[in-house]
Amino acid sequence: MTEYSLARYTIEMLFIKKLNECAWWKFRERKGIYNWRREKLNKLK
């Protein structure tokens, strides 16, 4: 039972880590797009 719990815990930790990385990249991407859009607007002014 303990081995099963440990395996499950490890898998969950890896899964959570992946989710966090994905969220972070999405956030960075969105921020980058936002900055790029703002630069375009500044050039138009």
N, C-alpha and C. Protein backbone atom coordinates (compact mmCIF):
# COMPACT_ATOMS: atom_id res chain seq x y z
N MET A 1 0.83 -1.21 0.00
CA MET A 1 0.00 0.00 0.00
C MET A 1 0.87 1.27 0.00
N THR A 2 1.94 1.25 0.81
CA THR A 2 2.79 2.45 0.89
C THR A 2 3.48 2.72 -0.44
N GLU A 3 3.92 1.67 -1.12
CA GLU A 3 4.58 1.84 -2.42
C GLU A 3 3.62 2.47 -3.42
N TYR A 4 2.38 2.03 -3.37
CA TYR A 4 1.36 2.58 -4.28
C TYR A 4 1.14 4.06 -3.97
N SER A 5 1.05 4.38 -2.68
CA SER A 5 0.84 5.77 -2.28
C SER A 5 2.00 6.65 -2.74
N LEU A 6 3.21 6.14 -2.58
CA LEU A 6 4.41 6.89 -2.97
C LEU A 6 4.41 7.15 -4.47
N ALA A 7 4.07 6.11 -5.23
CA ALA A 7 4.03 6.25 -6.69
C ALA A 7 2.98 7.28 -7.09
N ARG A 8 1.84 7.21 -6.45
CA ARG A 8 0.76 8.15 -6.77
C ARG A 8 1.18 9.57 -6.42
N TYR A 9 1.83 9.71 -5.28
CA TYR A 9 2.27 11.03 -4.82
C TYR A 9 3.28 11.61 -5.83
N THR A 10 4.22 10.77 -6.26
CA THR A 10 5.23 11.21 -7.21
C THR A 10 4.59 11.66 -8.52
N ILE A 11 3.66 10.87 -9.01
CA ILE A 11 2.97 11.20 -10.27
C ILE A 11 2.21 12.52 -10.12
N GLU A 12 1.53 12.68 -8.98
CA GLU A 12 0.78 13.91 -8.76
C GLU A 12 1.71 15.12 -8.71
N MET A 13 2.85 14.96 -8.06
CA MET A 13 3.80 16.06 -7.96
C MET A 13 4.32 16.46 -9.34
N LEU A 14 4.66 15.46 -10.16
CA LEU A 14 5.13 15.74 -11.51
C LEU A 14 4.05 16.42 -12.33
N PHE A 15 2.81 15.96 -12.17
CA PHE A 15 1.69 16.52 -12.90
C PHE A 15 1.48 17.99 -12.52
N ILE A 16 1.53 18.26 -11.21
CA ILE A 16 1.34 19.63 -10.72
C ILE A 16 2.48 20.52 -11.24
N LYS A 17 3.70 19.98 -11.23
CA LYS A 17 4.85 20.75 -11.70
C LYS A 17 4.66 21.12 -13.17
N LYS A 18 4.20 20.16 -13.97
CA LYS A 18 3.95 20.42 -15.39
C LYS A 18 2.88 21.48 -15.58
N LEU A 19 1.82 21.37 -14.81
CA LEU A 19 0.73 22.34 -14.91
C LEU A 19 1.23 23.74 -14.59
N ASN A 20 2.04 23.85 -13.53
CA ASN A 20 2.57 25.15 -13.15
C ASN A 20 3.45 25.72 -14.25
N GLU A 21 4.28 24.87 -14.85
CA GLU A 21 5.16 25.33 -15.93
C GLU A 21 4.33 25.84 -17.10
N CYS A 22 3.29 25.10 -17.45
CA CYS A 22 2.43 25.50 -18.57
C CYS A 22 1.77 26.84 -18.28
N ALA A 23 1.27 26.99 -17.07
CA ALA A 23 0.60 28.23 -16.69
C ALA A 23 1.58 29.39 -16.75
N TRP A 24 2.82 29.14 -16.30
CA TRP A 24 3.83 30.19 -16.31
C TRP A 24 4.17 30.61 -17.73
N TRP A 25 4.32 29.63 -18.62
CA TRP A 25 4.63 29.95 -20.02
C TRP A 25 3.50 30.70 -20.68
N LYS A 26 2.26 30.29 -20.38
CA LYS A 26 1.10 30.99 -20.95
C LYS A 26 1.08 32.43 -20.47
N PHE A 27 1.38 32.63 -19.19
CA PHE A 27 1.40 33.97 -18.61
C PHE A 27 2.48 34.81 -19.30
N ARG A 28 3.68 34.22 -19.48
CA ARG A 28 4.77 34.94 -20.12
C ARG A 28 4.43 35.29 -21.55
N GLU A 29 3.81 34.33 -22.24
CA GLU A 29 3.45 34.53 -23.64
C GLU A 29 2.46 35.68 -23.75
N ARG A 30 1.46 35.67 -22.88
CA ARG A 30 0.43 36.70 -22.90
C ARG A 30 1.04 38.06 -22.60
N LYS A 31 1.98 38.09 -21.64
CA LYS A 31 2.64 39.33 -21.29
C LYS A 31 3.45 39.84 -22.48
N GLY A 32 4.12 38.90 -23.16
CA GLY A 32 4.92 39.27 -24.32
C GLY A 32 4.06 39.85 -25.43
N ILE A 33 2.91 39.21 -25.67
CA ILE A 33 1.98 39.69 -26.71
C ILE A 33 1.46 41.06 -26.33
N TYR A 34 1.17 41.25 -25.04
CA TYR A 34 0.66 42.53 -24.57
C TYR A 34 1.69 43.64 -24.79
N ASN A 35 2.95 43.35 -24.44
CA ASN A 35 4.01 44.34 -24.62
C ASN A 35 4.22 44.66 -26.10
N TRP A 36 4.17 43.61 -26.93
CA TRP A 36 4.36 43.79 -28.37
C TRP A 36 3.26 44.67 -28.93
N ARG A 37 2.02 44.45 -28.48
CA ARG A 37 0.88 45.22 -28.95
C ARG A 37 1.03 46.68 -28.53
N ARG A 38 1.52 46.89 -27.29
CA ARG A 38 1.69 48.24 -26.78
C ARG A 38 2.77 48.98 -27.56
N GLU A 39 3.84 48.25 -27.93
CA GLU A 39 4.90 48.86 -28.72
C GLU A 39 4.37 49.29 -30.08
N LYS A 40 3.53 48.44 -30.68
CA LYS A 40 2.93 48.76 -31.98
C LYS A 40 2.11 50.04 -31.86
N LEU A 41 1.32 50.14 -30.79
CA LEU A 41 0.47 51.32 -30.59
C LEU A 41 1.33 52.57 -30.42
N ASN A 42 2.42 52.44 -29.68
CA ASN A 42 3.30 53.59 -29.46
C ASN A 42 3.92 54.06 -30.76
N LYS A 43 4.25 53.12 -31.65
CA LYS A 43 4.84 53.49 -32.95
C LYS A 43 3.83 54.20 -33.83
N LEU A 44 2.55 53.82 -33.69
CA LEU A 44 1.51 54.45 -34.50
C LEU A 44 1.26 55.89 -34.08
N LYS A 45 1.46 56.17 -32.80
CA LYS A 45 1.19 57.53 -32.30
C LYS A 45 2.11 58.56 -32.95
